[in-house]
Amino acid sequence: MVPLHKNNQQQHVITLFFIFFLLLNIFFSGTCLSQENNADPIPTLLKTANAFTSIIKRAKPAVVNILVKKESPKSQDSHSAQQNFFEDQLIKDFFGSSPEQIKSKKNTNQNSRYGNGSGFIISQDGYIITNHHVVKDAIEVSVYLQDKREYSAKIIGTDSQSDIALLKINAIGLPVLLLGDSNKLQVGEWAIAIGSPLEFIQTVTVGIISAKGRSSMGISEYEDFIQTDAAINPGNSGGPLLNIYGEAIGINTAFMTQTGGYMGVGFAVPSNMAKIIILQLKKHNKMLRGWLGVGLVDIIPGNLSALESRHYRGAAKVVSVKRDSPADNANIKMNDMIVALNESPISGASDFRNQIALTPPGNNITLTFLRNGKTENARIRIGTLD
């Protein structure tokens, strides 16, 4: 047995050692913290700048400037076809609708209009993505690469309802941009826009992804826009919106303004939508959309509480069913609440409409809907939108 007084001495030594160790730890922790607070931020900023520079250097060779010669309108009536959404007070496209805005040095024909836009190469054999409105009414399309090479481009197909166009130039071994997965985007991620705003070729701007799934903007018929605050201006139309991996996750299409200038609200067609449309344009020279034959409205938020327990994000209420349509043949009825497509929840009427339109005609889908408080499923063969 150890004597009591000896045991007390040992405890006293242990206590002093513990206090010393604690003070030592506090001292070094404070020193490290002070060093961290006084750390030079320049190396971190330099790494970020170098990362952007690397991405841009790889992407720029695949971004092209597009010069378009268009037919002049036969009528100068300001209330004619010129009154489209691209000349709305709030929505201005990057291309420019006025012949006076963009003039070409090659313009020797007073009866022709010239304009410019952007695009990017997606295959080494010369396929190029741009916007439909960039090449609308074109009689000649010229493409200029970063290395100053010039090509005459053929319009393979355009889709006005999504504002996507596919061009082809006669060349091989070209630099390309890969199309990324826009479904993986998160709000707050970096976004890089490259294009030719106001004829300033190969201009780069940086911002973030401000929002996803923007619809009901009045920009195009089928909308699922990525919103970004990367500065974009007339001439950026058709250029890529890049992620930090240098992949094109969007096609810059429009920006919103109340002054006619940039206000930090730009929109891009998501790459996943563009992928489907491009395949159709390659195969059919046009976009063939799926058709269900129903009229839909969003369920108001107050009516969504009953859906939460079923883990649904939203619903689209059926307000009309066209006779002898695919929906009618599958016994879909008015007031049915569609909540999922192929077992994946939908976020609302616009989301569901876009998904149906992008489904190839003839494909079978499984529709999940609520009827009289009960969940039901229907197997439907998609028709072709007329």
Protein backbone atom coordinates (compact mmCIF):
# COMPACT_ATOMS: atom_id res chain seq x y z
CA MET A 1 0.00 0.00 0.00
CA VAL A 2 1.29 3.49 -0.97
CA PRO A 3 1.45 6.04 1.90
CA LEU A 4 -1.23 8.76 1.78
CA HIS A 5 1.21 11.68 1.85
CA LYS A 6 3.17 10.18 -1.04
CA ASN A 7 -0.01 9.71 -3.03
CA ASN A 8 -0.88 13.41 -2.49
CA GLN A 9 2.54 14.46 -3.75
CA GLN A 10 2.09 12.43 -6.90
CA GLN A 11 -1.35 13.98 -7.52
CA HIS A 12 0.13 17.44 -7.02
CA VAL A 13 2.86 16.76 -9.60
CA ILE A 14 0.31 15.41 -12.08
CA THR A 15 -1.90 18.48 -11.59
CA LEU A 16 1.02 20.87 -12.21
CA PHE A 17 2.06 18.92 -15.30
CA PHE A 18 -1.51 19.08 -16.67
CA ILE A 19 -1.71 22.85 -16.11
CA PHE A 20 1.66 23.33 -17.82
CA PHE A 21 0.59 21.22 -20.79
CA LEU A 22 -2.70 23.16 -21.07
CA LEU A 23 -0.92 26.53 -21.08
CA LEU A 24 1.57 25.27 -23.64
CA ASN A 25 -1.25 24.12 -25.89
CA ILE A 26 -3.05 27.47 -25.57
CA PHE A 27 0.15 29.33 -26.43
CA PHE A 28 0.84 27.35 -29.60
CA SER A 29 -2.82 27.43 -30.64
CA GLY A 30 -2.82 31.21 -30.35
CA THR A 31 0.40 31.42 -32.30
CA CYS A 32 -0.99 29.25 -35.11
CA LEU A 33 -4.23 31.23 -35.17
CA SER A 34 -2.31 34.47 -35.35
CA GLN A 35 -0.23 33.12 -38.22
CA GLU A 36 -3.38 32.02 -40.03
CA ASN A 37 -5.00 35.43 -39.56
CA ASN A 38 -1.89 37.10 -40.92
CA ALA A 39 -1.53 34.64 -43.82
CA ASP A 40 -0.95 36.24 -47.21
CA PRO A 41 -4.21 35.92 -49.28
CA ILE A 42 -2.40 36.47 -52.58
CA PRO A 43 -1.47 32.78 -53.17
CA THR A 44 -5.12 31.75 -52.76
CA LEU A 45 -6.29 34.44 -55.16
CA LEU A 46 -3.54 33.49 -57.59
CA LYS A 47 -4.67 29.86 -57.58
CA THR A 48 -8.24 30.95 -58.36
CA ALA A 49 -7.10 33.23 -61.18
CA ASN A 50 -4.90 30.50 -62.65
CA ALA A 51 -7.83 28.06 -62.56
CA PHE A 52 -10.04 30.47 -64.53
CA THR A 53 -7.22 31.17 -66.99
CA SER A 54 -6.71 27.44 -67.60
CA ILE A 55 -10.42 26.84 -68.25
CA ILE A 56 -10.71 29.78 -70.61
CA LYS A 57 -7.58 28.87 -72.59
CA ARG A 58 -9.00 25.40 -73.24
CA ALA A 59 -12.47 26.64 -74.14
CA LYS A 60 -11.78 29.67 -76.35
CA PRO A 61 -10.59 27.82 -79.48
CA ALA A 62 -13.99 26.09 -79.74
CA VAL A 63 -16.01 29.33 -79.42
CA VAL A 64 -16.85 30.96 -82.75
CA ASN A 65 -18.14 34.29 -84.01
CA ILE A 66 -21.05 34.03 -86.45
CA LEU A 67 -21.74 36.62 -89.14
CA VAL A 68 -25.17 36.38 -90.76
CA LYS A 69 -26.51 37.99 -93.92
CA LYS A 70 -30.29 38.23 -93.79
CA GLU A 71 -33.06 39.10 -96.15
CA SER A 72 -34.49 42.53 -95.57
CA PRO A 73 -38.16 42.57 -94.62
CA LYS A 74 -40.41 43.47 -97.53
CA SER A 75 -42.49 45.68 -95.31
CA GLN A 76 -41.14 48.29 -92.91
CA ASP A 77 -44.40 48.27 -90.91
CA SER A 78 -43.35 48.43 -87.26
CA HIS A 79 -46.42 46.37 -86.31
CA SER A 80 -45.44 43.45 -88.56
CA ALA A 81 -43.37 40.38 -87.75
CA GLN A 82 -40.64 42.54 -86.26
CA GLN A 83 -42.76 42.82 -83.13
CA ASN A 84 -41.56 39.65 -81.48
CA PHE A 85 -40.25 38.97 -78.03
CA PHE A 86 -36.70 39.91 -79.00
CA GLU A 87 -37.80 43.56 -79.27
CA ASP A 88 -39.84 43.61 -76.05
CA GLN A 89 -38.94 46.33 -73.56
CA LEU A 90 -37.89 43.76 -70.94
CA ILE A 91 -36.34 41.02 -73.06
CA LYS A 92 -33.49 41.83 -75.40
CA ASP A 93 -31.71 39.11 -77.31
CA PHE A 94 -28.00 39.11 -77.81
CA PHE A 95 -28.29 39.24 -81.60
CA GLY A 96 -29.96 42.58 -82.09
CA SER A 97 -33.03 43.16 -84.22
CA SER A 98 -32.15 46.48 -85.77
CA PRO A 99 -29.97 46.65 -88.91
CA GLU A 100 -28.49 49.90 -87.60
CA GLN A 101 -27.17 48.22 -84.47
CA ILE A 102 -24.70 45.91 -86.19
CA LYS A 103 -23.12 46.67 -89.55
CA SER A 104 -20.55 44.66 -91.48
CA LYS A 105 -17.65 46.07 -93.42
CA LYS A 106 -18.61 43.58 -96.12
CA ASN A 107 -22.05 45.15 -96.51
CA THR A 108 -22.21 46.27 -100.14
CA ASN A 109 -25.87 45.40 -100.71
CA GLN A 110 -28.21 48.02 -99.28
CA ASN A 111 -31.11 45.54 -99.47
CA SER A 112 -29.47 43.14 -97.02
CA ARG A 113 -29.07 43.18 -93.26
CA TYR A 114 -26.10 41.90 -91.32
CA GLY A 115 -25.82 40.76 -87.76
CA ASN A 116 -23.52 38.73 -85.56
CA GLY A 117 -23.80 36.22 -82.78
CA SER A 118 -21.82 33.47 -81.12
CA GLY A 119 -21.68 29.69 -81.13
CA PHE A 120 -19.42 26.80 -80.17
CA ILE A 121 -18.09 23.66 -81.82
CA ILE A 122 -19.34 20.35 -80.42
CA SER A 123 -17.66 17.87 -82.79
CA GLN A 124 -14.31 17.69 -84.54
CA ASP A 125 -16.07 17.38 -87.91
CA GLY A 126 -17.67 20.80 -87.65
CA TYR A 127 -21.06 20.75 -85.92
CA ILE A 128 -21.79 24.04 -84.14
CA ILE A 129 -24.51 25.05 -81.67
CA THR A 130 -26.03 28.53 -81.69
CA ASN A 131 -29.44 30.15 -81.23
CA HIS A 132 -32.30 29.95 -83.70
CA HIS A 133 -32.74 33.72 -83.61
CA VAL A 134 -29.09 34.23 -84.60
CA VAL A 135 -29.59 32.52 -87.98
CA LYS A 136 -33.29 33.23 -88.49
CA ASP A 137 -34.01 34.45 -92.06
CA ALA A 138 -30.33 33.92 -92.97
CA ILE A 139 -29.29 33.72 -96.61
CA GLU A 140 -25.59 33.41 -95.79
CA VAL A 141 -23.85 32.27 -92.59
CA SER A 142 -20.11 32.71 -92.02
CA VAL A 143 -18.21 31.29 -89.05
CA TYR A 144 -14.94 32.72 -87.71
CA LEU A 145 -12.65 30.68 -85.45
CA GLN A 146 -10.26 32.05 -82.85
CA ASP A 147 -7.31 31.39 -85.18
CA LYS A 148 -8.93 33.65 -87.84
CA ARG A 149 -10.05 30.80 -90.11
CA GLU A 150 -13.31 31.56 -91.91
CA TYR A 151 -15.90 29.03 -93.08
CA SER A 152 -19.24 29.14 -94.82
CA ALA A 153 -21.76 27.33 -92.62
CA LYS A 154 -24.78 25.22 -93.54
CA ILE A 155 -27.87 25.35 -91.34
CA ILE A 156 -28.64 21.71 -90.48
CA GLY A 157 -31.80 22.55 -88.57
CA THR A 158 -33.35 25.04 -86.18
CA ASP A 159 -35.95 24.86 -83.44
CA SER A 160 -37.67 28.17 -82.80
CA GLN A 161 -39.61 26.82 -79.80
CA SER A 162 -36.43 26.30 -77.78
CA ASP A 163 -34.28 28.83 -79.70
CA ILE A 164 -31.64 26.25 -80.66
CA ALA A 165 -29.93 25.88 -84.06
CA LEU A 166 -27.37 23.44 -85.42
CA LEU A 167 -24.81 24.49 -88.03
CA LYS A 168 -22.13 22.55 -89.95
CA ILE A 169 -18.85 23.71 -91.45
CA ASN A 170 -16.65 21.67 -93.78
CA ALA A 171 -13.63 21.02 -91.57
CA ILE A 172 -12.04 18.25 -89.50
CA GLY A 173 -9.83 18.08 -86.43
CA LEU A 174 -11.51 21.08 -84.84
CA PRO A 175 -11.33 22.00 -81.14
CA VAL A 176 -14.54 21.12 -79.29
CA LEU A 177 -16.47 21.92 -76.14
CA LEU A 178 -18.05 19.04 -74.27
CA LEU A 179 -21.66 19.35 -73.19
CA GLY A 180 -21.89 18.86 -69.44
CA ASP A 181 -24.75 17.63 -67.26
CA SER A 182 -26.91 20.65 -66.45
CA ASN A 183 -29.02 18.58 -64.05
CA LYS A 184 -26.06 18.53 -61.63
CA LEU A 185 -25.83 22.31 -61.43
CA GLN A 186 -26.22 23.95 -58.03
CA VAL A 187 -27.20 27.55 -57.41
CA GLY A 188 -24.08 29.48 -56.40
CA GLU A 189 -21.64 27.59 -58.64
CA TRP A 190 -19.26 29.55 -60.83
CA ALA A 191 -20.45 30.33 -64.37
CA ILE A 192 -18.27 31.54 -67.26
CA ALA A 193 -19.72 33.10 -70.42
CA ILE A 194 -17.75 33.43 -73.67
CA GLY A 195 -19.00 35.18 -76.79
CA SER A 196 -18.88 38.26 -78.98
CA PRO A 197 -20.90 40.96 -77.22
CA LEU A 198 -21.19 44.19 -79.22
CA GLU A 199 -18.71 42.71 -81.76
CA PHE A 200 -15.94 42.37 -79.15
CA ILE A 201 -14.75 38.91 -80.22
CA GLN A 202 -13.85 36.26 -77.61
CA THR A 203 -15.02 38.21 -74.57
CA VAL A 204 -15.08 36.37 -71.23
CA THR A 205 -17.22 37.23 -68.21
CA VAL A 206 -17.61 35.38 -64.90
CA GLY A 207 -20.47 35.09 -62.43
CA ILE A 208 -22.51 32.42 -60.70
CA ILE A 209 -25.56 30.26 -61.34
CA SER A 210 -28.30 32.49 -59.95
CA ALA A 211 -31.26 30.11 -60.39
CA LYS A 212 -32.43 27.03 -62.29
CA GLY A 213 -35.66 26.03 -63.98
CA ARG A 214 -36.80 29.53 -64.93
CA SER A 215 -39.98 29.38 -67.03
CA SER A 216 -42.93 31.57 -68.05
CA MET A 217 -40.45 34.22 -69.17
CA GLY A 218 -42.02 34.74 -72.59
CA ILE A 219 -38.66 34.10 -74.27
CA SER A 220 -39.47 30.84 -76.03
CA GLU A 221 -42.23 28.23 -76.17
CA TYR A 222 -40.41 25.64 -74.05
CA GLU A 223 -38.48 27.19 -71.18
CA ASP A 224 -36.28 25.68 -68.49
CA PHE A 225 -33.64 28.40 -68.29
CA ILE A 226 -30.51 28.64 -66.23
CA GLN A 227 -30.26 32.15 -64.79
CA THR A 228 -26.82 33.70 -64.37
CA ASP A 229 -25.32 37.04 -63.40
CA ALA A 230 -22.29 36.56 -65.67
CA ALA A 231 -22.30 39.75 -67.75
CA ILE A 232 -23.86 39.15 -71.17
CA ASN A 233 -24.83 41.61 -73.87
CA PRO A 234 -26.02 41.72 -77.52
CA GLY A 235 -23.76 39.39 -79.51
CA ASN A 236 -23.44 36.74 -76.78
CA SER A 237 -26.37 34.79 -78.26
CA GLY A 238 -25.47 31.16 -78.92
CA GLY A 239 -22.24 31.24 -76.95
CA PRO A 240 -21.49 28.76 -74.16
CA LEU A 241 -22.06 29.07 -70.44
CA LEU A 242 -19.30 27.01 -68.82
CA ASN A 243 -18.84 25.32 -65.47
CA ILE A 244 -15.52 25.12 -63.61
CA TYR A 245 -14.62 21.97 -65.55
CA GLY A 246 -14.75 23.81 -68.87
CA GLU A 247 -17.94 22.03 -69.96
CA ALA A 248 -20.78 23.85 -71.68
CA ILE A 249 -23.74 23.58 -69.33
CA GLY A 250 -25.85 26.15 -71.14
CA ILE A 251 -26.36 28.10 -74.38
CA ASN A 252 -26.62 31.83 -73.68
CA THR A 253 -29.93 33.02 -75.10
CA ALA A 254 -31.30 36.24 -73.62
CA PHE A 255 -31.00 38.82 -70.89
CA MET A 256 -33.55 40.92 -69.06
CA THR A 257 -33.25 44.68 -68.96
CA GLN A 258 -35.26 47.75 -68.11
CA THR A 259 -32.69 50.16 -69.51
CA GLY A 260 -31.54 48.41 -72.70
CA GLY A 261 -28.25 47.44 -71.05
CA TYR A 262 -26.90 44.68 -68.85
CA MET A 263 -28.61 44.38 -65.45
CA GLY A 264 -27.23 41.10 -64.12
CA VAL A 265 -30.05 38.79 -65.23
CA GLY A 266 -29.16 36.48 -68.11
CA PHE A 267 -30.68 33.22 -69.32
CA ALA A 268 -29.21 30.10 -70.93
CA VAL A 269 -30.83 26.98 -72.39
CA PRO A 270 -29.62 24.03 -70.26
CA SER A 271 -27.25 21.64 -71.97
CA ASN A 272 -29.39 18.55 -71.23
CA MET A 273 -32.29 20.07 -73.16
CA ALA A 274 -29.94 21.07 -75.99
CA LYS A 275 -28.52 17.53 -76.25
CA ILE A 276 -31.95 16.08 -77.05
CA ILE A 277 -32.79 18.81 -79.55
CA ILE A 278 -29.43 18.50 -81.33
CA LEU A 279 -29.93 14.76 -81.87
CA GLN A 280 -33.33 15.46 -83.43
CA LEU A 281 -31.94 18.23 -85.65
CA LYS A 282 -29.17 15.93 -86.87
CA LYS A 283 -31.59 13.14 -87.63
CA HIS A 284 -34.67 14.98 -88.92
CA ASN A 285 -33.43 18.56 -89.56
CA LYS A 286 -36.18 19.63 -87.18
CA MET A 287 -37.42 18.94 -83.67
CA LEU A 288 -40.12 16.26 -83.29
CA ARG A 289 -41.81 16.73 -79.92
CA GLY A 290 -43.81 14.33 -77.83
CA TRP A 291 -47.52 14.98 -77.32
CA LEU A 292 -49.93 13.87 -74.60
CA GLY A 293 -53.03 15.91 -75.38
CA VAL A 294 -53.81 17.54 -72.04
CA GLY A 295 -54.18 21.09 -70.77
CA LEU A 296 -52.41 21.67 -67.47
CA VAL A 297 -52.16 24.20 -64.66
CA ASP A 298 -49.93 24.28 -61.59
CA ILE A 299 -51.47 23.31 -58.27
CA ILE A 300 -51.44 26.35 -55.98
CA PRO A 301 -49.14 26.05 -52.93
CA GLY A 302 -52.10 25.79 -50.53
CA ASN A 303 -53.19 22.57 -52.23
CA LEU A 304 -49.76 20.96 -52.11
CA SER A 305 -49.88 20.06 -48.41
CA ALA A 306 -51.71 16.83 -49.20
CA LEU A 307 -48.84 15.83 -51.49
CA GLU A 308 -46.00 16.31 -49.02
CA SER A 309 -46.59 13.01 -47.25
CA ARG A 310 -46.18 11.27 -50.60
CA HIS A 311 -42.78 12.93 -51.13
CA TYR A 312 -43.89 14.79 -54.26
CA ARG A 313 -42.34 18.14 -55.17
CA GLY A 314 -45.35 19.51 -57.03
CA ALA A 315 -48.24 18.64 -59.27
CA ALA A 316 -49.94 19.58 -62.54
CA LYS A 317 -53.72 19.56 -62.62
CA VAL A 318 -55.42 18.34 -65.80
CA VAL A 319 -57.92 20.98 -66.97
CA SER A 320 -58.66 19.57 -70.43
CA VAL A 321 -58.19 16.35 -72.38
CA LYS A 322 -58.19 16.32 -76.17
CA ARG A 323 -60.43 13.67 -77.65
CA ASP A 324 -58.64 10.62 -79.10
CA SER A 325 -55.31 11.88 -77.77
CA PRO A 326 -52.79 9.57 -76.02
CA ALA A 327 -54.06 10.87 -72.67
CA ASP A 328 -57.70 10.27 -73.63
CA ASN A 329 -56.91 6.75 -74.78
CA ALA A 330 -55.23 6.08 -71.42
CA ASN A 331 -58.35 7.29 -69.55
CA ILE A 332 -56.74 10.42 -68.10
CA LYS A 333 -59.53 12.70 -66.85
CA MET A 334 -60.03 16.33 -65.90
CA ASN A 335 -58.99 17.20 -62.34
CA ASP A 336 -56.43 14.38 -62.21
CA MET A 337 -53.28 15.67 -60.47
CA ILE A 338 -50.13 14.45 -62.23
CA VAL A 339 -47.28 14.08 -59.73
CA ALA A 340 -44.63 11.91 -61.41
CA LEU A 341 -43.33 10.85 -64.81
CA ASN A 342 -41.59 7.47 -65.06
CA GLU A 343 -41.54 7.39 -61.23
CA SER A 344 -39.64 10.70 -61.02
CA PRO A 345 -41.51 13.52 -59.24
CA ILE A 346 -42.31 16.60 -61.31
CA SER A 347 -42.02 20.17 -60.00
CA GLY A 348 -45.07 21.53 -61.80
CA ALA A 349 -46.94 21.96 -65.07
CA SER A 350 -44.07 23.61 -66.96
CA ASP A 351 -41.58 20.95 -65.91
CA PHE A 352 -43.95 18.15 -66.93
CA ARG A 353 -44.75 19.83 -70.27
CA ASN A 354 -41.04 20.17 -71.08
CA GLN A 355 -40.35 16.54 -70.23
CA ILE A 356 -43.20 15.30 -72.44
CA ALA A 357 -42.08 17.54 -75.31
CA LEU A 358 -38.53 16.17 -75.10
CA THR A 359 -39.72 12.54 -75.09
CA PRO A 360 -39.35 11.00 -78.58
CA PRO A 361 -42.74 10.27 -80.17
CA GLY A 362 -43.65 6.58 -79.97
CA ASN A 363 -41.97 6.04 -76.61
CA ASN A 364 -43.95 4.63 -73.69
CA ILE A 365 -44.15 6.48 -70.39
CA THR A 366 -45.59 5.74 -66.94
CA LEU A 367 -47.74 8.51 -65.54
CA THR A 368 -48.45 8.75 -61.79
CA PHE A 369 -51.45 10.83 -60.78
CA LEU A 370 -53.87 11.39 -57.92
CA ARG A 371 -57.59 10.84 -58.46
CA ASN A 372 -60.07 11.22 -55.60
CA GLY A 373 -57.20 11.03 -53.11
CA LYS A 374 -55.84 7.74 -54.49
CA THR A 375 -52.58 7.21 -56.36
CA GLU A 376 -52.94 5.65 -59.82
CA ASN A 377 -50.60 4.83 -62.70
CA ALA A 378 -51.15 4.81 -66.44
CA ARG A 379 -48.98 3.45 -69.23
CA ILE A 380 -49.14 5.79 -72.23
CA ARG A 381 -47.61 5.76 -75.72
CA ILE A 382 -46.50 9.31 -76.57
CA GLY A 383 -47.82 10.87 -79.78
CA THR A 384 -46.25 13.47 -82.09
CA LEU A 385 -46.93 17.18 -81.55
CA ASP A 386 -48.48 18.68 -84.65
